[in-house]
Amino acid sequence: MGKISVVGIGPGSLDDMTYRARRTIEEATTVVGYKRYVDLIAELIDGKTVLDTGMTQEIDRCRAALKEASAGENVVVISSGDAGIYGMAGLVLELLVKMDDSEKPEFGGVIPGVSAMSAAAGLLGAPIMHDFVVISLSDLLTPWEIIQERAEFAAKGDFVTALYNPRSNKRVGQINAVQETFLRYRVPETPVGIVTEASRTNEATLISTLGEFTKEDINMFSIVIIGNSKTKKVGDWMITPRGYQKREPGL
């Protein structure tokens, strides 16, 4: 039998890929992933077998990867960011545990990566220094009513909230609904950071406010970070205090 591993390649640039992720990819014979993400690591996979598919073909992709691993190949399934955050780790494991032992390849593990949220937060300054929530606004796999309920709890609980998949060509109204929810609990001046294509060629970063941020250019490759009641904009940075200065007034 071969081996299958799930690798988070980071947000985009090879500079933001972990050493362990890079080594695992270099040792693999077969690389499987969404074509856009495969293209991001093109210089690492020359000469390897590459199986890439389009969006919404995740099950076919993972089954093909497991088949290759069962045939003796050293396979990596890649996800952008961290493979365990809206990535392929869960699906690969769900399919792997259902396989007959006679066909089951070795599992090389989930290799974590720098998430898009972490990359966005670093570009904005320090917006997630305190408790935070991550919510995807895509309703392809989760009913919108559940997403709305989770957003309500996050807003009411005063969590810093990072939004994945905030807007697409077909899904334009959900971000406005979330804005309305948060405005019931936070002032319009609350800082909101928007980072698009973090760590990639067309990277763009800006800091807006809760009352105005939906007017900005936001798409599927954006991460939106809504501050909590203590978050502030200081110069070019968005900062959520942890409370260290309360403990040490002289700092």
Protein backbone atom coordinates (compact mmCIF):
# COMPACT_ATOMS: atom_id res chain seq x y z
CA MET A 1 0.00 0.00 0.00
CA GLY A 2 0.96 3.59 -0.50
CA LYS A 3 0.33 6.60 1.71
CA ILE A 4 -2.01 9.56 1.70
CA SER A 5 -1.45 12.86 3.52
CA VAL A 6 -3.50 16.05 3.64
CA VAL A 7 -1.44 19.22 3.38
CA GLY A 8 -2.30 22.85 4.04
CA ILE A 9 -0.18 24.86 1.61
CA GLY A 10 -0.75 28.22 3.30
CA PRO A 11 -2.57 31.25 1.89
CA GLY A 12 -0.69 31.52 -1.39
CA SER A 13 2.97 32.49 -1.40
CA LEU A 14 5.53 29.71 -0.99
CA ASP A 15 7.15 31.95 1.63
CA ASP A 16 4.15 31.29 3.86
CA MET A 17 4.25 27.51 3.50
CA THR A 18 5.56 25.55 6.48
CA TYR A 19 8.74 23.51 6.12
CA ARG A 20 6.88 20.31 6.97
CA ALA A 21 4.23 20.97 4.29
CA ARG A 22 6.88 21.64 1.67
CA ARG A 23 8.83 18.51 2.57
CA THR A 24 5.69 16.36 2.43
CA ILE A 25 4.85 17.67 -1.04
CA GLU A 26 8.41 17.19 -2.29
CA GLU A 27 8.42 13.56 -1.10
CA ALA A 28 5.07 12.77 -2.75
CA THR A 29 4.69 11.05 -6.11
CA THR A 30 1.12 12.28 -6.69
CA VAL A 31 -0.50 15.63 -5.91
CA VAL A 32 -4.28 16.05 -5.83
CA GLY A 33 -6.14 19.33 -5.45
CA TYR A 34 -8.37 22.10 -6.75
CA LYS A 35 -6.70 23.44 -9.89
CA ARG A 36 -6.34 27.01 -8.61
CA TYR A 37 -4.42 25.75 -5.58
CA VAL A 38 -2.32 23.30 -7.59
CA ASP A 39 -1.17 26.23 -9.71
CA LEU A 40 0.09 28.01 -6.58
CA ILE A 41 2.69 25.29 -5.96
CA ALA A 42 3.59 24.58 -9.59
CA GLU A 43 7.34 24.93 -9.01
CA LEU A 44 7.28 22.22 -6.32
CA ILE A 45 5.48 19.52 -8.32
CA ASP A 46 7.32 19.35 -11.63
CA GLY A 47 7.58 15.71 -12.71
CA LYS A 48 4.87 14.46 -10.31
CA THR A 49 1.51 13.02 -11.24
CA VAL A 50 -1.06 15.78 -10.78
CA LEU A 51 -4.81 15.22 -10.45
CA ASP A 52 -6.65 18.53 -10.36
CA THR A 53 -10.38 19.20 -10.52
CA GLY A 54 -12.70 22.16 -10.39
CA MET A 55 -14.74 23.59 -7.56
CA THR A 56 -17.54 21.39 -6.10
CA GLN A 57 -15.76 18.17 -7.17
CA GLU A 58 -14.29 17.49 -3.74
CA ILE A 59 -15.62 13.94 -3.32
CA ASP A 60 -14.38 12.81 -6.74
CA ARG A 61 -11.02 14.39 -5.99
CA CYS A 62 -10.60 12.62 -2.65
CA ARG A 63 -11.72 9.26 -4.02
CA ALA A 64 -9.20 9.56 -6.85
CA ALA A 65 -6.48 10.36 -4.30
CA LEU A 66 -7.34 7.32 -2.17
CA LYS A 67 -7.36 5.10 -5.24
CA GLU A 68 -3.85 6.27 -6.17
CA ALA A 69 -2.64 5.69 -2.61
CA SER A 70 -4.17 2.18 -2.58
CA ALA A 71 -2.22 1.46 -5.75
CA GLY A 72 1.04 2.23 -3.98
CA GLU A 73 1.59 5.94 -4.61
CA ASN A 74 2.68 8.50 -2.02
CA VAL A 75 -0.21 10.95 -2.38
CA VAL A 76 -0.80 14.43 -1.00
CA VAL A 77 -4.19 16.10 -1.09
CA ILE A 78 -3.66 19.85 -0.86
CA SER A 79 -5.85 22.62 0.52
CA SER A 80 -5.11 26.31 0.64
CA GLY A 81 -4.50 27.74 4.08
CA ASP A 82 -4.91 25.04 6.74
CA ALA A 83 -6.37 21.77 5.44
CA GLY A 84 -8.31 21.37 8.68
CA ILE A 85 -10.12 24.72 8.30
CA TYR A 86 -12.74 24.45 5.55
CA GLY A 87 -10.29 22.15 3.76
CA MET A 88 -10.00 18.52 2.67
CA ALA A 89 -8.86 16.92 5.93
CA GLY A 90 -12.32 15.92 7.13
CA LEU A 91 -13.50 14.47 3.83
CA VAL A 92 -10.34 12.43 3.28
CA LEU A 93 -10.65 10.92 6.75
CA GLU A 94 -14.38 10.23 6.36
CA LEU A 95 -13.72 8.29 3.16
CA LEU A 96 -10.58 6.60 4.48
CA VAL A 97 -12.23 5.06 7.55
CA LYS A 98 -14.93 3.50 5.35
CA MET A 99 -12.40 1.62 3.22
CA ASP A 100 -11.78 -2.09 3.60
CA ASP A 101 -8.55 -2.81 5.47
CA SER A 102 -7.24 -4.71 2.46
CA GLU A 103 -7.39 -1.52 0.38
CA LYS A 104 -6.71 1.12 3.03
CA PRO A 105 -3.43 3.04 2.50
CA GLU A 106 -1.26 4.39 5.29
CA PHE A 107 -2.42 7.76 6.57
CA GLY A 108 0.40 10.26 6.68
CA GLY A 109 -1.53 12.75 8.75
CA VAL A 110 -2.94 16.24 8.41
CA ILE A 111 -0.13 18.73 7.86
CA PRO A 112 -1.35 22.11 9.14
CA GLY A 113 -0.72 25.33 7.29
CA VAL A 114 -1.02 29.08 7.80
CA SER A 115 -4.74 29.82 7.48
CA ALA A 116 -6.13 32.64 5.35
CA MET A 117 -7.51 34.13 8.56
CA SER A 118 -4.07 34.18 10.18
CA ALA A 119 -2.53 35.71 7.07
CA ALA A 120 -5.25 38.37 6.92
CA ALA A 121 -4.91 39.16 10.62
CA GLY A 122 -1.17 39.64 10.25
CA LEU A 123 -1.67 42.12 7.42
CA LEU A 124 -4.25 44.06 9.43
CA GLY A 125 -2.16 44.21 12.61
CA ALA A 126 -3.53 42.39 15.65
CA PRO A 127 -7.31 42.05 15.30
CA ILE A 128 -7.66 38.55 16.79
CA MET A 129 -5.67 39.04 19.98
CA HIS A 130 -8.71 38.03 22.03
CA ASP A 131 -11.49 35.42 21.70
CA PHE A 132 -12.76 35.07 18.15
CA VAL A 133 -15.19 33.13 15.96
CA VAL A 134 -14.80 31.98 12.36
CA ILE A 135 -17.91 31.67 10.18
CA SER A 136 -18.25 30.78 6.48
CA LEU A 137 -21.09 32.58 4.73
CA SER A 138 -21.29 29.94 2.00
CA ASP A 139 -24.63 28.16 2.19
CA LEU A 140 -23.71 25.39 -0.28
CA LEU A 141 -23.21 22.93 2.58
CA THR A 142 -24.79 24.72 5.54
CA PRO A 143 -28.35 26.13 5.56
CA TRP A 144 -28.45 29.91 5.66
CA GLU A 145 -30.70 29.85 8.73
CA ILE A 146 -27.95 28.10 10.72
CA ILE A 147 -25.32 30.55 9.48
CA GLN A 148 -27.53 33.46 10.56
CA GLU A 149 -28.00 31.92 14.00
CA ARG A 150 -24.26 31.47 14.45
CA ALA A 151 -23.63 35.07 13.40
CA GLU A 152 -26.21 36.22 15.95
CA PHE A 153 -24.47 34.32 18.75
CA ALA A 154 -21.06 35.68 17.71
CA ALA A 155 -22.34 39.25 17.66
CA LYS A 156 -24.17 38.92 20.96
CA GLY A 157 -21.14 37.30 22.60
CA ASP A 158 -18.88 40.22 21.53
CA PHE A 159 -16.50 37.90 19.68
CA VAL A 160 -14.12 39.21 17.05
CA THR A 161 -15.53 37.46 13.98
CA ALA A 162 -13.72 36.36 10.83
CA LEU A 163 -15.90 35.71 7.79
CA TYR A 164 -14.86 33.28 5.06
CA ASN A 165 -16.61 33.25 1.65
CA PRO A 166 -18.28 36.59 2.41
CA ARG A 167 -19.63 37.33 -1.08
CA SER A 168 -19.79 35.70 -4.50
CA ASN A 169 -21.30 36.55 -7.89
CA LYS A 170 -24.49 34.64 -7.01
CA ARG A 171 -24.53 35.28 -3.25
CA VAL A 172 -24.51 39.01 -2.61
CA GLY A 173 -27.04 39.65 0.16
CA GLN A 174 -25.73 37.51 3.00
CA ILE A 175 -22.94 39.89 3.96
CA ASN A 176 -25.51 42.69 4.34
CA ALA A 177 -27.65 40.49 6.59
CA VAL A 178 -24.62 39.78 8.78
CA GLN A 179 -23.83 43.49 8.93
CA GLU A 180 -27.38 44.20 10.14
CA THR A 181 -27.04 41.51 12.82
CA PHE A 182 -23.79 42.93 14.17
CA LEU A 183 -25.11 46.50 14.12
CA ARG A 184 -27.71 45.44 16.68
CA TYR A 185 -24.89 44.77 19.15
CA ARG A 186 -21.99 47.04 18.10
CA VAL A 187 -21.58 50.67 17.15
CA PRO A 188 -21.24 51.55 13.44
CA GLU A 189 -17.68 52.82 14.06
CA THR A 190 -16.44 49.31 15.00
CA PRO A 191 -13.35 48.58 12.85
CA VAL A 192 -13.71 45.96 10.13
CA GLY A 193 -10.72 44.66 8.20
CA ILE A 194 -10.94 43.31 4.65
CA VAL A 195 -8.09 41.35 3.09
CA THR A 196 -8.39 39.95 -0.41
CA GLU A 197 -5.99 37.44 -1.99
CA ALA A 198 -3.78 37.38 1.13
CA SER A 199 -0.21 36.35 0.32
CA ARG A 200 -0.92 36.30 -3.43
CA THR A 201 -0.07 38.56 -6.35
CA ASN A 202 -3.19 40.73 -6.13
CA GLU A 203 -3.17 41.11 -2.33
CA ALA A 204 -5.28 44.04 -1.08
CA THR A 205 -5.87 45.22 2.48
CA LEU A 206 -8.09 47.91 3.95
CA ILE A 207 -9.76 48.85 7.23
CA SER A 208 -13.34 50.11 7.14
CA THR A 209 -16.13 50.28 9.71
CA LEU A 210 -19.10 48.09 10.56
CA GLY A 211 -21.45 50.73 9.18
CA GLU A 212 -19.65 51.08 5.84
CA PHE A 213 -17.67 47.92 5.02
CA THR A 214 -20.26 46.30 2.73
CA LYS A 215 -19.67 49.11 0.21
CA GLU A 216 -16.14 47.83 -0.38
CA ASP A 217 -14.97 45.33 -3.01
CA ILE A 218 -15.51 41.96 -1.27
CA ASN A 219 -15.44 38.57 -3.00
CA MET A 220 -14.87 34.84 -2.42
CA PHE A 221 -11.16 35.43 -1.95
CA SER A 222 -11.68 38.02 0.80
CA ILE A 223 -11.47 37.52 4.54
CA VAL A 224 -13.53 39.98 6.58
CA ILE A 225 -12.63 40.48 10.24
CA ILE A 226 -15.19 42.32 12.37
CA GLY A 227 -13.76 43.74 15.58
CA ASN A 228 -15.33 43.41 19.02
CA SER A 229 -16.41 46.27 21.26
CA LYS A 230 -12.79 46.94 22.30
CA THR A 231 -11.17 46.74 18.85
CA LYS A 232 -9.66 50.01 17.63
CA LYS A 233 -7.92 51.42 14.58
CA VAL A 234 -4.57 52.92 15.45
CA GLY A 235 -2.82 54.48 12.48
CA ASP A 236 -2.77 51.84 9.75
CA TRP A 237 -3.44 48.99 12.17
CA MET A 238 -6.44 47.21 13.61
CA ILE A 239 -5.85 46.16 17.23
CA THR A 240 -7.97 44.18 19.67
CA PRO A 241 -6.45 44.66 23.14
CA ARG A 242 -5.83 41.53 25.20
CA GLY A 243 -5.77 43.46 28.46
CA TYR A 244 -2.05 43.39 29.24
CA GLN A 245 -1.93 47.13 29.93
CA LYS A 246 -4.65 46.82 32.55
CA ARG A 247 -2.46 44.32 34.37
CA GLU A 248 0.70 46.39 33.94
CA PRO A 249 -0.29 50.10 33.82
CA GLY A 250 3.30 51.15 33.18
CA LEU A 251 3.48 49.41 29.80
